[in-house]
Protein backbone atom coordinates (compact mmCIF):
# COMPACT_ATOMS: atom_id res chain seq x y z
CA UNK A 1 164.88 203.50 -8.03
CA UNK A 2 167.40 200.84 -9.07
CA UNK A 3 168.28 200.54 -12.73
CA UNK A 4 167.37 197.41 -14.69
CA UNK A 5 170.65 195.56 -14.04
CA UNK A 6 170.50 196.30 -10.29
CA UNK A 7 166.89 195.18 -10.19
CA UNK A 8 167.81 191.94 -11.95
CA UNK A 9 170.68 191.37 -9.50
CA UNK A 10 168.34 191.86 -6.54
CA UNK A 11 165.81 189.42 -8.01
CA UNK A 12 168.54 186.82 -8.55
CA UNK A 13 169.84 187.28 -5.01
CA UNK A 14 166.37 186.80 -3.58
CA UNK A 15 165.97 183.66 -5.69
CA UNK A 16 169.21 182.29 -4.23
CA UNK A 17 168.03 182.99 -0.69
CA UNK A 18 164.70 181.27 -1.41
CA UNK A 19 166.49 178.20 -2.79
CA UNK A 20 168.76 178.08 0.28
CA UNK A 21 165.77 178.32 2.57
CA UNK A 22 163.92 175.54 0.73
CA UNK A 23 166.97 173.28 0.91
CA UNK A 24 167.42 174.01 4.61
CA UNK A 25 163.76 173.32 5.38
CA UNK A 26 163.80 170.13 3.27
CA UNK A 27 166.95 168.86 5.01
CA UNK A 28 165.51 169.65 8.44
CA UNK A 29 162.24 167.92 7.58
CA UNK A 30 164.11 164.89 6.29
CA UNK A 31 166.30 164.65 9.39
CA UNK A 32 163.31 165.02 11.72
CA UNK A 33 161.47 162.24 9.90
CA UNK A 34 164.31 159.83 9.24
CA UNK A 35 167.00 160.11 11.94
CA UNK A 36 166.00 157.27 14.26
CA UNK A 37 168.60 158.27 16.87
CA UNK A 38 167.32 161.84 17.27
CA UNK A 39 165.70 162.74 20.58
CA UNK A 40 162.83 165.20 21.01
CA UNK A 41 165.20 167.76 22.54
CA UNK A 42 167.61 167.39 19.60
CA UNK A 43 164.68 167.83 17.22
CA UNK A 44 163.59 170.97 19.03
CA UNK A 45 167.13 172.37 18.84
CA UNK A 46 167.25 171.57 15.13
CA UNK A 47 164.00 173.47 14.54
CA UNK A 48 165.37 176.40 16.55
CA UNK A 49 168.53 176.40 14.42
CA UNK A 50 166.50 176.26 11.25
CA UNK A 51 164.39 179.17 12.44
CA UNK A 52 167.52 181.20 13.16
CA UNK A 53 168.98 180.41 9.73
CA UNK A 54 165.76 181.27 7.90
CA UNK A 55 165.47 184.56 9.76
CA UNK A 56 169.10 185.35 8.87
CA UNK A 57 168.20 184.87 5.21
CA UNK A 58 164.94 186.82 5.61
CA UNK A 59 165.20 189.29 8.52
CA UNK A 60 161.93 190.50 9.94
CA UNK A 61 159.94 187.52 8.67
CA UNK A 62 159.24 185.84 12.02
CA UNK A 63 155.48 185.95 11.47
CA UNK A 64 155.85 184.33 8.05
CA UNK A 65 158.03 181.58 9.56
CA UNK A 66 155.46 181.05 12.32
CA UNK A 67 152.57 180.83 9.84
CA UNK A 68 154.18 178.75 7.08
CA UNK A 69 156.99 176.61 8.47
CA UNK A 70 156.42 176.19 12.19
CA UNK A 71 153.19 174.18 11.74
CA UNK A 72 155.04 171.76 9.44
CA UNK A 73 157.76 171.13 12.05
CA UNK A 74 155.19 170.97 14.85
CA UNK A 75 153.21 168.30 12.99
CA UNK A 76 156.32 166.17 12.44
CA UNK A 77 157.30 166.37 16.10
CA UNK A 78 153.79 165.43 17.22
CA UNK A 79 153.63 162.51 14.79
CA UNK A 80 157.03 161.18 15.78
CA UNK A 81 157.35 161.96 19.49
CA UNK A 82 153.78 162.76 20.55
CA UNK A 83 154.94 166.23 21.66
CA UNK A 84 155.70 169.40 19.84
CA UNK A 85 157.74 172.49 20.35
CA UNK A 86 155.69 173.69 23.33
CA UNK A 87 156.73 177.29 22.70
CA UNK A 88 160.36 176.13 22.69
CA UNK A 89 161.16 177.97 19.47
CA UNK A 90 160.59 181.54 20.76
């Protein structure tokens, strides 16, 4: 059982990883929505890169990514290009 200072350090580290993930997801969402020169294939690669980065921050959380973030990216791709990831991510 970690002591109080170690526990606090772990909580702070997790908070940093969560903030990094939020920033990464927000930047990806923004680029997908606003970059008028981006192709569907580039968008799919960007989502794949974001998935890889999120899973580096939170190993073993593929299911959580699939349930919480993938639908958001899928919706953006469908709205913008009329096609989604089509199982491209995995």
